[in-house]
């Protein structure tokens, strides 16, 4: 991936993370099961970490 592709992927992932976090807050307030959303956020955090590390290597 190029630096720009990595930056675009990171930006998209951050947007999705924020959206899911908002959904999680609503689900939690309604008393719903948040385990699936929490697991998805954890996967996204790992993916962001990996993408940021890859981007750092290119700079």
N, C-alpha and C. Protein backbone atom coordinates (compact mmCIF):
# COMPACT_ATOMS: atom_id res chain seq x y z
N UNK A 1 0.83 -1.18 0.00
CA UNK A 1 0.00 0.00 0.00
C UNK A 1 0.88 1.24 0.00
N UNK A 2 0.40 2.27 -0.68
CA UNK A 2 1.13 3.54 -0.66
C UNK A 2 0.80 4.28 0.64
N UNK A 3 1.57 5.34 0.90
CA UNK A 3 1.31 6.14 2.10
C UNK A 3 -0.10 6.71 2.07
N UNK A 4 -0.53 7.19 0.91
CA UNK A 4 -1.87 7.78 0.81
C UNK A 4 -2.95 6.73 1.02
N UNK A 5 -2.75 5.55 0.49
CA UNK A 5 -3.72 4.47 0.69
C UNK A 5 -3.82 4.10 2.17
N UNK A 6 -2.68 4.07 2.84
CA UNK A 6 -2.68 3.78 4.27
C UNK A 6 -3.42 4.87 5.04
N UNK A 7 -3.15 6.12 4.71
CA UNK A 7 -3.83 7.23 5.38
C UNK A 7 -5.33 7.18 5.14
N UNK A 8 -5.74 6.86 3.92
CA UNK A 8 -7.16 6.74 3.61
C UNK A 8 -7.81 5.60 4.39
N UNK A 9 -7.12 4.47 4.46
CA UNK A 9 -7.63 3.31 5.20
C UNK A 9 -7.76 3.64 6.69
N UNK A 10 -6.78 4.33 7.23
CA UNK A 10 -6.82 4.72 8.64
C UNK A 10 -8.00 5.67 8.89
N UNK A 11 -8.18 6.64 8.01
CA UNK A 11 -9.28 7.59 8.17
C UNK A 11 -10.64 6.88 8.11
N UNK A 12 -10.79 5.95 7.19
CA UNK A 12 -12.04 5.20 7.07
C UNK A 12 -12.28 4.35 8.31
N UNK A 13 -11.24 3.72 8.80
CA UNK A 13 -11.36 2.87 9.98
C UNK A 13 -11.73 3.71 11.21
N UNK A 14 -11.13 4.89 11.33
CA UNK A 14 -11.46 5.78 12.45
C UNK A 14 -12.92 6.21 12.39
N UNK A 15 -13.40 6.52 11.19
CA UNK A 15 -14.80 6.91 11.02
C UNK A 15 -15.72 5.78 11.46
N UNK A 16 -15.43 4.56 11.01
CA UNK A 16 -16.23 3.40 11.38
C UNK A 16 -16.17 3.15 12.88
N UNK A 17 -14.99 3.33 13.46
CA UNK A 17 -14.80 3.12 14.90
C UNK A 17 -15.71 4.06 15.69
N UNK A 18 -15.72 5.32 15.30
CA UNK A 18 -16.54 6.32 15.98
C UNK A 18 -18.03 5.97 15.85
N UNK A 19 -18.43 5.54 14.66
CA UNK A 19 -19.82 5.16 14.42
C UNK A 19 -20.22 3.98 15.31
N UNK A 20 -19.38 2.97 15.35
CA UNK A 20 -19.68 1.78 16.15
C UNK A 20 -19.68 2.11 17.63
N UNK A 21 -18.78 3.00 18.02
CA UNK A 21 -18.74 3.40 19.43
C UNK A 21 -20.05 4.09 19.82
N UNK A 22 -20.58 4.93 18.93
CA UNK A 22 -21.87 5.57 19.18
C UNK A 22 -22.99 4.55 19.27
N UNK A 23 -22.97 3.57 18.37
CA UNK A 23 -23.96 2.50 18.40
C UNK A 23 -23.87 1.72 19.71
N UNK A 24 -22.65 1.48 20.15
CA UNK A 24 -22.42 0.75 21.39
C UNK A 24 -23.02 1.51 22.57
N UNK A 25 -22.80 2.83 22.59
CA UNK A 25 -23.35 3.65 23.67
C UNK A 25 -24.87 3.56 23.71
N UNK A 26 -25.50 3.62 22.53
CA UNK A 26 -26.96 3.52 22.46
C UNK A 26 -27.43 2.14 22.91
N UNK A 27 -26.74 1.12 22.46
CA UNK A 27 -27.09 -0.25 22.82
C UNK A 27 -26.96 -0.46 24.32
N UNK A 28 -25.90 0.06 24.88
CA UNK A 28 -25.66 -0.07 26.32
C UNK A 28 -26.73 0.66 27.11
N UNK A 29 -27.11 1.85 26.65
CA UNK A 29 -28.15 2.62 27.34
C UNK A 29 -29.49 1.90 27.29
N UNK A 30 -29.72 1.15 26.23
CA UNK A 30 -30.98 0.42 26.08
C UNK A 30 -30.94 -0.93 26.79
N UNK A 31 -29.79 -1.27 27.36
CA UNK A 31 -29.67 -2.53 28.07
C UNK A 31 -29.41 -3.72 27.18
N UNK A 32 -28.90 -3.46 25.99
CA UNK A 32 -28.64 -4.54 25.04
C UNK A 32 -27.30 -5.22 25.28
N UNK A 33 -27.06 -6.27 24.53
CA UNK A 33 -25.81 -7.02 24.63
C UNK A 33 -24.73 -6.29 23.81
N UNK A 34 -23.69 -5.87 24.49
CA UNK A 34 -22.65 -5.06 23.84
C UNK A 34 -21.39 -5.86 23.52
N UNK A 35 -21.37 -7.13 23.81
CA UNK A 35 -20.16 -7.94 23.64
C UNK A 35 -19.67 -7.96 22.19
N UNK A 36 -20.59 -8.10 21.25
CA UNK A 36 -20.20 -8.17 19.84
C UNK A 36 -19.58 -6.85 19.39
N UNK A 37 -20.19 -5.74 19.76
CA UNK A 37 -19.67 -4.42 19.38
C UNK A 37 -18.32 -4.17 20.03
N UNK A 38 -18.17 -4.58 21.29
CA UNK A 38 -16.88 -4.40 21.97
C UNK A 38 -15.79 -5.21 21.30
N UNK A 39 -16.12 -6.43 20.88
CA UNK A 39 -15.15 -7.27 20.19
C UNK A 39 -14.76 -6.64 18.85
N UNK A 40 -15.74 -6.08 18.16
CA UNK A 40 -15.45 -5.44 16.88
C UNK A 40 -14.54 -4.22 17.08
N UNK A 41 -14.79 -3.44 18.12
CA UNK A 41 -13.93 -2.29 18.41
C UNK A 41 -12.50 -2.74 18.73
N UNK A 42 -12.37 -3.83 19.46
CA UNK A 42 -11.03 -4.34 19.78
C UNK A 42 -10.29 -4.76 18.51
N UNK A 43 -10.99 -5.41 17.59
CA UNK A 43 -10.36 -5.79 16.31
C UNK A 43 -9.94 -4.55 15.52
N UNK A 44 -10.78 -3.55 15.54
CA UNK A 44 -10.48 -2.31 14.81
C UNK A 44 -9.28 -1.60 15.43
N UNK A 45 -9.20 -1.61 16.76
CA UNK A 45 -8.04 -1.00 17.43
C UNK A 45 -6.75 -1.69 17.01
N UNK A 46 -6.78 -2.99 16.92
CA UNK A 46 -5.61 -3.75 16.49
C UNK A 46 -5.25 -3.42 15.05
N UNK A 47 -6.26 -3.34 14.21
CA UNK A 47 -6.02 -3.02 12.80
C UNK A 47 -5.45 -1.61 12.66
N UNK A 48 -5.97 -0.66 13.43
CA UNK A 48 -5.44 0.70 13.40
C UNK A 48 -3.98 0.73 13.83
N UNK A 49 -3.67 -0.03 14.87
CA UNK A 49 -2.29 -0.10 15.35
C UNK A 49 -1.37 -0.61 14.24
N UNK A 50 -1.79 -1.68 13.57
CA UNK A 50 -0.98 -2.26 12.51
C UNK A 50 -0.81 -1.30 11.33
N UNK A 51 -1.89 -0.62 10.95
CA UNK A 51 -1.81 0.33 9.84
C UNK A 51 -0.91 1.51 10.19
N UNK A 52 -1.01 2.00 11.42
CA UNK A 52 -0.16 3.11 11.85
C UNK A 52 1.31 2.71 11.88
N UNK A 53 1.59 1.48 12.30
CA UNK A 53 2.97 0.99 12.29
C UNK A 53 3.50 0.89 10.87
N UNK A 54 2.67 0.41 9.96
CA UNK A 54 3.07 0.30 8.55
C UNK A 54 3.31 1.69 7.96
N UNK A 55 2.46 2.64 8.31
CA UNK A 55 2.62 4.00 7.81
C UNK A 55 3.91 4.62 8.35
N UNK A 56 4.21 4.36 9.62
CA UNK A 56 5.43 4.89 10.22
C UNK A 56 6.68 4.38 9.51
N UNK A 57 6.64 3.15 9.05
CA UNK A 57 7.77 2.58 8.33
C UNK A 57 7.99 3.27 6.98
N UNK A 58 6.93 3.79 6.40
CA UNK A 58 7.02 4.41 5.08
C UNK A 58 7.45 5.87 5.16
N UNK A 59 7.39 6.46 6.34
CA UNK A 59 7.74 7.88 6.47
C UNK A 59 9.17 8.07 6.85
